[in-house]
């Protein structure tokens, strides 16, 4: 089983992340940030990663530390759970529509973290959620997971749809990349022989 538990405690947040990469998309996420919980649920369901996250943060200041630190912890959990990446497909991509929004994601579990972000959100908030934090989450997640991640908005006018389509698109790409390739289940998918960095 490809599982991991990460605990991250700082003066700003206390976070526990439990994941199972070979799950069914079961989720149980409580961060104190309602819209963010909804997006984490989408990530879990569409990547088929079982995910339980508990976060207590300094929400009296704002949501920034909580969202970013969950991204850090989740990225670390993914990196630990996937191990040496033996047998994985490594690459994944998804072109995902959601009403007016159309998002393209492509990723490589290369061990080389990079984020290319071409998402333009028409509003600064969704309810009380600061839309700038979407990029902060994916930056932290990609950096700690050792993932090269490209995300691009091809169309969209509604911020909620754009953000939700982004989480779903990345999730579907991640599901593909994490799957075990039955033709090469015993090898690391790299001519270098390693995907650690």
C-alpha atoms as a PDB file:
ATOM      1  CA  UNK A   1       0.000   0.000   0.000  1.00  0.00           C
ATOM      2  CA  UNK A   2       1.301   3.441  -0.964  1.00  0.00           C
ATOM      3  CA  UNK A   3       0.329   5.419   2.098  1.00  0.00           C
ATOM      4  CA  UNK A   4       1.758   8.272   4.172  1.00  0.00           C
ATOM      5  CA  UNK A   5       0.976  10.331   7.238  1.00  0.00           C
ATOM      6  CA  UNK A   6       2.524  13.774   7.600  1.00  0.00           C
ATOM      7  CA  UNK A   7       2.259  16.024  10.643  1.00  0.00           C
ATOM      8  CA  UNK A   8       3.306  19.658  10.374  1.00  0.00           C
ATOM      9  CA  UNK A   9       3.194  21.923  13.409  1.00  0.00           C
ATOM     10  CA  UNK A  10       4.299  25.549  13.360  1.00  0.00           C
ATOM     11  CA  UNK A  11       3.384  28.693  15.263  1.00  0.00           C
ATOM     12  CA  UNK A  12       0.830  29.378  12.517  1.00  0.00           C
ATOM     13  CA  UNK A  13      -0.730  25.976  11.763  1.00  0.00           C
ATOM     14  CA  UNK A  14      -1.119  22.406  13.027  1.00  0.00           C
ATOM     15  CA  UNK A  15      -1.782  19.968  10.200  1.00  0.00           C
ATOM     16  CA  UNK A  16      -2.141  16.204   9.816  1.00  0.00           C
ATOM     17  CA  UNK A  17      -2.442  14.618   6.374  1.00  0.00           C
ATOM     18  CA  UNK A  18      -3.222  10.924   5.785  1.00  0.00           C
ATOM     19  CA  UNK A  19      -3.280   9.651   2.198  1.00  0.00           C
ATOM     20  CA  UNK A  20      -3.586   6.358   0.353  1.00  0.00           C
ATOM     21  CA  UNK A  21      -2.603   6.574  -3.319  1.00  0.00           C
ATOM     22  CA  UNK A  22      -4.376   3.300  -4.084  1.00  0.00           C
ATOM     23  CA  UNK A  23      -7.712   4.354  -2.673  1.00  0.00           C
ATOM     24  CA  UNK A  24     -11.185   4.949  -4.022  1.00  0.00           C
ATOM     25  CA  UNK A  25     -11.378   8.721  -3.611  1.00  0.00           C
ATOM     26  CA  UNK A  26     -12.676   8.679  -0.031  1.00  0.00           C
ATOM     27  CA  UNK A  27     -12.219  12.086   1.597  1.00  0.00           C
ATOM     28  CA  UNK A  28     -12.578  13.605   5.047  1.00  0.00           C
ATOM     29  CA  UNK A  29     -11.076  17.094   5.021  1.00  0.00           C
ATOM     30  CA  UNK A  30     -11.479  19.790   7.664  1.00  0.00           C
ATOM     31  CA  UNK A  31      -9.289  22.882   7.420  1.00  0.00           C
ATOM     32  CA  UNK A  32     -11.656  25.521   8.706  1.00  0.00           C
ATOM     33  CA  UNK A  33     -11.811  27.024   5.198  1.00  0.00           C
ATOM     34  CA  UNK A  34     -15.036  25.790   3.617  1.00  0.00           C
ATOM     35  CA  UNK A  35     -14.328  26.462  -0.050  1.00  0.00           C
ATOM     36  CA  UNK A  36     -10.824  24.991   0.276  1.00  0.00           C
ATOM     37  CA  UNK A  37     -12.239  21.826   1.866  1.00  0.00           C
ATOM     38  CA  UNK A  38     -14.561  21.512  -1.135  1.00  0.00           C
ATOM     39  CA  UNK A  39     -11.561  21.765  -3.500  1.00  0.00           C
ATOM     40  CA  UNK A  40      -9.552  19.201  -1.528  1.00  0.00           C
ATOM     41  CA  UNK A  41     -12.549  16.877  -1.737  1.00  0.00           C
ATOM     42  CA  UNK A  42     -12.474  17.277  -5.543  1.00  0.00           C
ATOM     43  CA  UNK A  43      -8.753  16.519  -5.629  1.00  0.00           C
ATOM     44  CA  UNK A  44      -9.259  13.351  -3.616  1.00  0.00           C
ATOM     45  CA  UNK A  45     -12.326  12.094  -5.501  1.00  0.00           C
ATOM     46  CA  UNK A  46     -10.981  12.614  -9.000  1.00  0.00           C
ATOM     47  CA  UNK A  47      -7.416  11.424  -8.299  1.00  0.00           C
ATOM     48  CA  UNK A  48      -8.792   8.348  -6.464  1.00  0.00           C
ATOM     49  CA  UNK A  49      -6.545   9.220  -3.521  1.00  0.00           C
ATOM     50  CA  UNK A  50      -8.049   8.537  -0.106  1.00  0.00           C
ATOM     51  CA  UNK A  51      -7.399  11.694   1.868  1.00  0.00           C
ATOM     52  CA  UNK A  52      -7.982  12.801   5.443  1.00  0.00           C
ATOM     53  CA  UNK A  53      -6.740  16.260   6.373  1.00  0.00           C
ATOM     54  CA  UNK A  54      -7.082  18.070   9.681  1.00  0.00           C
ATOM     55  CA  UNK A  55      -5.788  21.623   9.897  1.00  0.00           C
ATOM     56  CA  UNK A  56      -6.008  24.272  12.584  1.00  0.00           C
ATOM     57  CA  UNK A  57      -4.588  27.597  11.514  1.00  0.00           C
ATOM     58  CA  UNK A  58      -4.487  31.270  12.379  1.00  0.00           C
ATOM     59  CA  UNK A  59      -7.696  31.976  10.480  1.00  0.00           C
ATOM     60  CA  UNK A  60      -8.251  35.098  12.603  1.00  0.00           C
ATOM     61  CA  UNK A  61      -5.448  36.616  10.487  1.00  0.00           C
ATOM     62  CA  UNK A  62      -6.476  35.132   7.130  1.00  0.00           C
ATOM     63  CA  UNK A  63      -6.555  31.808   5.271  1.00  0.00           C
ATOM     64  CA  UNK A  64      -3.096  32.109   3.702  1.00  0.00           C
ATOM     65  CA  UNK A  65      -1.000  30.099   6.172  1.00  0.00           C
ATOM     66  CA  UNK A  66      -3.566  27.308   6.373  1.00  0.00           C
ATOM     67  CA  UNK A  67      -3.937  26.895   2.612  1.00  0.00           C
ATOM     68  CA  UNK A  68      -0.214  27.105   1.883  1.00  0.00           C
ATOM     69  CA  UNK A  69       0.786  24.798   4.740  1.00  0.00           C
ATOM     70  CA  UNK A  70      -1.780  22.186   3.707  1.00  0.00           C
ATOM     71  CA  UNK A  71      -0.184  22.311   0.256  1.00  0.00           C
ATOM     72  CA  UNK A  72       3.238  21.741   1.822  1.00  0.00           C
ATOM     73  CA  UNK A  73       2.044  18.829   3.963  1.00  0.00           C
ATOM     74  CA  UNK A  74       0.053  17.221   1.150  1.00  0.00           C
ATOM     75  CA  UNK A  75       3.004  17.478  -1.219  1.00  0.00           C
ATOM     76  CA  UNK A  76       5.283  15.844   1.342  1.00  0.00           C
ATOM     77  CA  UNK A  77       2.739  13.083   1.892  1.00  0.00           C
ATOM     78  CA  UNK A  78       2.511  12.412  -1.840  1.00  0.00           C
ATOM     79  CA  UNK A  79       6.295  12.283  -2.161  1.00  0.00           C
ATOM     80  CA  UNK A  80       6.588   9.858   0.746  1.00  0.00           C
ATOM     81  CA  UNK A  81       3.709   7.641  -0.388  1.00  0.00           C
ATOM     82  CA  UNK A  82       4.957   7.258  -3.974  1.00  0.00           C
ATOM     83  CA  UNK A  83       8.425   6.260  -2.725  1.00  0.00           C
ATOM     84  CA  UNK A  84      11.012   5.607  -5.438  1.00  0.00           C
ATOM     85  CA  UNK A  85       8.232   5.789  -8.082  1.00  0.00           C
ATOM     86  CA  UNK A  86       8.901   2.296  -9.308  1.00  0.00           C
ATOM     87  CA  UNK A  87       6.287   1.212 -11.833  1.00  0.00           C
ATOM     88  CA  UNK A  88       4.344   4.473 -12.085  1.00  0.00           C
ATOM     89  CA  UNK A  89       3.324   5.968 -15.410  1.00  0.00           C
ATOM     90  CA  UNK A  90       5.027   9.204 -14.250  1.00  0.00           C
ATOM     91  CA  UNK A  91       3.276  11.555 -16.697  1.00  0.00           C
ATOM     92  CA  UNK A  92      -0.351  12.633 -16.708  1.00  0.00           C
ATOM     93  CA  UNK A  93      -2.478  15.221 -18.453  1.00  0.00           C
ATOM     94  CA  UNK A  94      -6.116  16.246 -18.589  1.00  0.00           C
ATOM     95  CA  UNK A  95      -8.231  18.679 -20.586  1.00  0.00           C
ATOM     96  CA  UNK A  96     -11.243  19.273 -18.362  1.00  0.00           C
ATOM     97  CA  UNK A  97     -14.419  21.263 -19.025  1.00  0.00           C
ATOM     98  CA  UNK A  98     -16.729  22.566 -16.339  1.00  0.00           C
ATOM     99  CA  UNK A  99     -19.504  24.741 -17.734  1.00  0.00           C
ATOM    100  CA  UNK A 100     -17.752  27.904 -18.999  1.00  0.00           C
ATOM    101  CA  UNK A 101     -14.319  26.814 -17.739  1.00  0.00           C
ATOM    102  CA  UNK A 102     -11.828  24.755 -19.729  1.00  0.00           C
ATOM    103  CA  UNK A 103      -8.572  23.831 -17.993  1.00  0.00           C
ATOM    104  CA  UNK A 104      -5.559  21.952 -19.315  1.00  0.00           C
ATOM    105  CA  UNK A 105      -3.152  20.314 -16.846  1.00  0.00           C
ATOM    106  CA  UNK A 106      -0.008  18.322 -17.508  1.00  0.00           C
ATOM    107  CA  UNK A 107       2.395  16.972 -14.913  1.00  0.00           C
ATOM    108  CA  UNK A 108       5.532  14.930 -14.483  1.00  0.00           C
ATOM    109  CA  UNK A 109       6.428  13.239 -11.189  1.00  0.00           C
ATOM    110  CA  UNK A 110      10.039  13.903 -12.079  1.00  0.00           C
ATOM    111  CA  UNK A 111      11.497  14.899  -8.727  1.00  0.00           C
ATOM    112  CA  UNK A 112      12.125  18.344 -10.245  1.00  0.00           C
ATOM    113  CA  UNK A 113       9.588  20.817  -8.841  1.00  0.00           C
ATOM    114  CA  UNK A 114       8.253  23.491 -11.163  1.00  0.00           C
ATOM    115  CA  UNK A 115       4.945  25.299 -11.579  1.00  0.00           C
ATOM    116  CA  UNK A 116       3.823  26.982 -14.806  1.00  0.00           C
ATOM    117  CA  UNK A 117       0.604  28.829 -13.974  1.00  0.00           C
ATOM    118  CA  UNK A 118      -1.606  30.436 -16.615  1.00  0.00           C
ATOM    119  CA  UNK A 119      -4.866  30.848 -14.744  1.00  0.00           C
ATOM    120  CA  UNK A 120      -6.619  34.202 -14.766  1.00  0.00           C
ATOM    121  CA  UNK A 121      -9.413  34.592 -12.240  1.00  0.00           C
ATOM    122  CA  UNK A 122     -11.949  37.362 -12.878  1.00  0.00           C
ATOM    123  CA  UNK A 123     -12.695  37.956  -9.177  1.00  0.00           C
ATOM    124  CA  UNK A 124     -10.467  38.376  -6.126  1.00  0.00           C
ATOM    125  CA  UNK A 125     -12.730  36.288  -3.893  1.00  0.00           C
ATOM    126  CA  UNK A 126     -15.083  33.312  -4.084  1.00  0.00           C
ATOM    127  CA  UNK A 127     -17.380  33.969  -1.155  1.00  0.00           C
ATOM    128  CA  UNK A 128     -14.818  34.918   1.488  1.00  0.00           C
ATOM    129  CA  UNK A 129     -12.019  32.825  -0.071  1.00  0.00           C
ATOM    130  CA  UNK A 130      -9.083  34.784  -1.518  1.00  0.00           C
ATOM    131  CA  UNK A 131      -8.541  33.474  -5.061  1.00  0.00           C
ATOM    132  CA  UNK A 132      -4.799  34.296  -4.890  1.00  0.00           C
ATOM    133  CA  UNK A 133      -4.485  31.320  -2.545  1.00  0.00           C
ATOM    134  CA  UNK A 134      -5.226  28.831  -5.331  1.00  0.00           C
ATOM    135  CA  UNK A 135      -1.816  29.483  -6.863  1.00  0.00           C
ATOM    136  CA  UNK A 136      -0.203  29.448  -3.407  1.00  0.00           C
ATOM    137  CA  UNK A 137      -1.624  25.982  -2.765  1.00  0.00           C
ATOM    138  CA  UNK A 138      -0.466  24.524  -6.056  1.00  0.00           C
ATOM    139  CA  UNK A 139       2.975  26.108  -5.708  1.00  0.00           C
ATOM    140  CA  UNK A 140       3.467  24.537  -2.277  1.00  0.00           C
ATOM    141  CA  UNK A 141       2.002  21.208  -3.412  1.00  0.00           C
ATOM    142  CA  UNK A 142       4.157  20.929  -6.543  1.00  0.00           C
ATOM    143  CA  UNK A 143       7.358  22.024  -4.794  1.00  0.00           C
ATOM    144  CA  UNK A 144       7.032  19.510  -1.958  1.00  0.00           C
ATOM    145  CA  UNK A 145       5.802  16.683  -4.181  1.00  0.00           C
ATOM    146  CA  UNK A 146       8.745  17.136  -6.552  1.00  0.00           C
ATOM    147  CA  UNK A 147       6.313  17.607  -9.421  1.00  0.00           C
ATOM    148  CA  UNK A 148       6.590  19.553 -12.657  1.00  0.00           C
ATOM    149  CA  UNK A 149       3.101  20.993 -13.096  1.00  0.00           C
ATOM    150  CA  UNK A 150       1.707  23.065 -15.963  1.00  0.00           C
ATOM    151  CA  UNK A 151      -1.811  24.467 -15.602  1.00  0.00           C
ATOM    152  CA  UNK A 152      -3.517  26.620 -18.214  1.00  0.00           C
ATOM    153  CA  UNK A 153      -6.965  28.156 -18.520  1.00  0.00           C
ATOM    154  CA  UNK A 154      -8.259  27.940 -22.085  1.00  0.00           C
ATOM    155  CA  UNK A 155     -11.642  29.467 -21.303  1.00  0.00           C
ATOM    156  CA  UNK A 156     -13.678  30.633 -18.327  1.00  0.00           C
ATOM    157  CA  UNK A 157     -15.675  33.520 -16.893  1.00  0.00           C
ATOM    158  CA  UNK A 158     -16.807  32.231 -13.479  1.00  0.00           C
ATOM    159  CA  UNK A 159     -14.132  32.055 -10.783  1.00  0.00           C
ATOM    160  CA  UNK A 160     -15.747  29.175  -8.917  1.00  0.00           C
ATOM    161  CA  UNK A 161     -15.941  27.089 -12.095  1.00  0.00           C
ATOM    162  CA  UNK A 162     -12.365  27.942 -13.082  1.00  0.00           C
ATOM    163  CA  UNK A 163     -10.911  26.985  -9.700  1.00  0.00           C
ATOM    164  CA  UNK A 164     -12.967  23.810  -9.370  1.00  0.00           C
ATOM    165  CA  UNK A 165     -12.048  22.749 -12.911  1.00  0.00           C
ATOM    166  CA  UNK A 166      -8.391  23.391 -12.058  1.00  0.00           C
ATOM    167  CA  UNK A 167      -8.484  21.091  -9.026  1.00  0.00           C
ATOM    168  CA  UNK A 168     -10.344  18.419 -11.002  1.00  0.00           C
ATOM    169  CA  UNK A 169      -8.001  18.646 -13.983  1.00  0.00           C
ATOM    170  CA  UNK A 170      -4.885  18.331 -11.825  1.00  0.00           C
ATOM    171  CA  UNK A 171      -6.530  15.438  -9.970  1.00  0.00           C
ATOM    172  CA  UNK A 172      -7.265  13.521 -13.173  1.00  0.00           C
ATOM    173  CA  UNK A 173      -3.711  14.087 -14.436  1.00  0.00           C
ATOM    174  CA  UNK A 174      -2.346  12.943 -11.080  1.00  0.00           C
ATOM    175  CA  UNK A 175      -4.451   9.794 -11.179  1.00  0.00           C
ATOM    176  CA  UNK A 176      -2.907   8.848 -14.533  1.00  0.00           C
ATOM    177  CA  UNK A 177       0.662   9.639 -13.438  1.00  0.00           C
ATOM    178  CA  UNK A 178       0.376   7.635 -10.211  1.00  0.00           C
ATOM    179  CA  UNK A 179      -1.076   4.515 -11.816  1.00  0.00           C
ATOM    180  CA  UNK A 180       1.146   1.456 -12.019  1.00  0.00           C
ATOM    181  CA  UNK A 181       2.053   0.633 -15.618  1.00  0.00           C
ATOM    182  CA  UNK A 182       1.500  -3.133 -15.959  1.00  0.00           C
ATOM    183  CA  UNK A 183       4.138  -3.312 -18.716  1.00  0.00           C
ATOM    184  CA  UNK A 184       6.831  -1.783 -16.485  1.00  0.00           C
ATOM    185  CA  UNK A 185       5.648  -2.388 -12.920  1.00  0.00           C
ATOM    186  CA  UNK A 186       9.123  -3.331 -11.690  1.00  0.00           C
ATOM    187  CA  UNK A 187      11.143  -0.434 -13.121  1.00  0.00           C
ATOM    188  CA  UNK A 188      11.629   3.267 -12.464  1.00  0.00           C
ATOM    189  CA  UNK A 189      10.382   5.227 -15.508  1.00  0.00           C
ATOM    190  CA  UNK A 190      13.604   7.088 -16.249  1.00  0.00           C
ATOM    191  CA  UNK A 191      16.747   6.398 -18.253  1.00  0.00           C
ATOM    192  CA  UNK A 192      18.671   7.804 -15.273  1.00  0.00           C
ATOM    193  CA  UNK A 193      17.405   5.002 -13.081  1.00  0.00           C
ATOM    194  CA  UNK A 194      16.098   7.442 -10.463  1.00  0.00           C
ATOM    195  CA  UNK A 195      13.354  10.033 -10.053  1.00  0.00           C
ATOM    196  CA  UNK A 196      14.468  11.321  -6.680  1.00  0.00           C
ATOM    197  CA  UNK A 197      15.734  14.634  -8.106  1.00  0.00           C
END
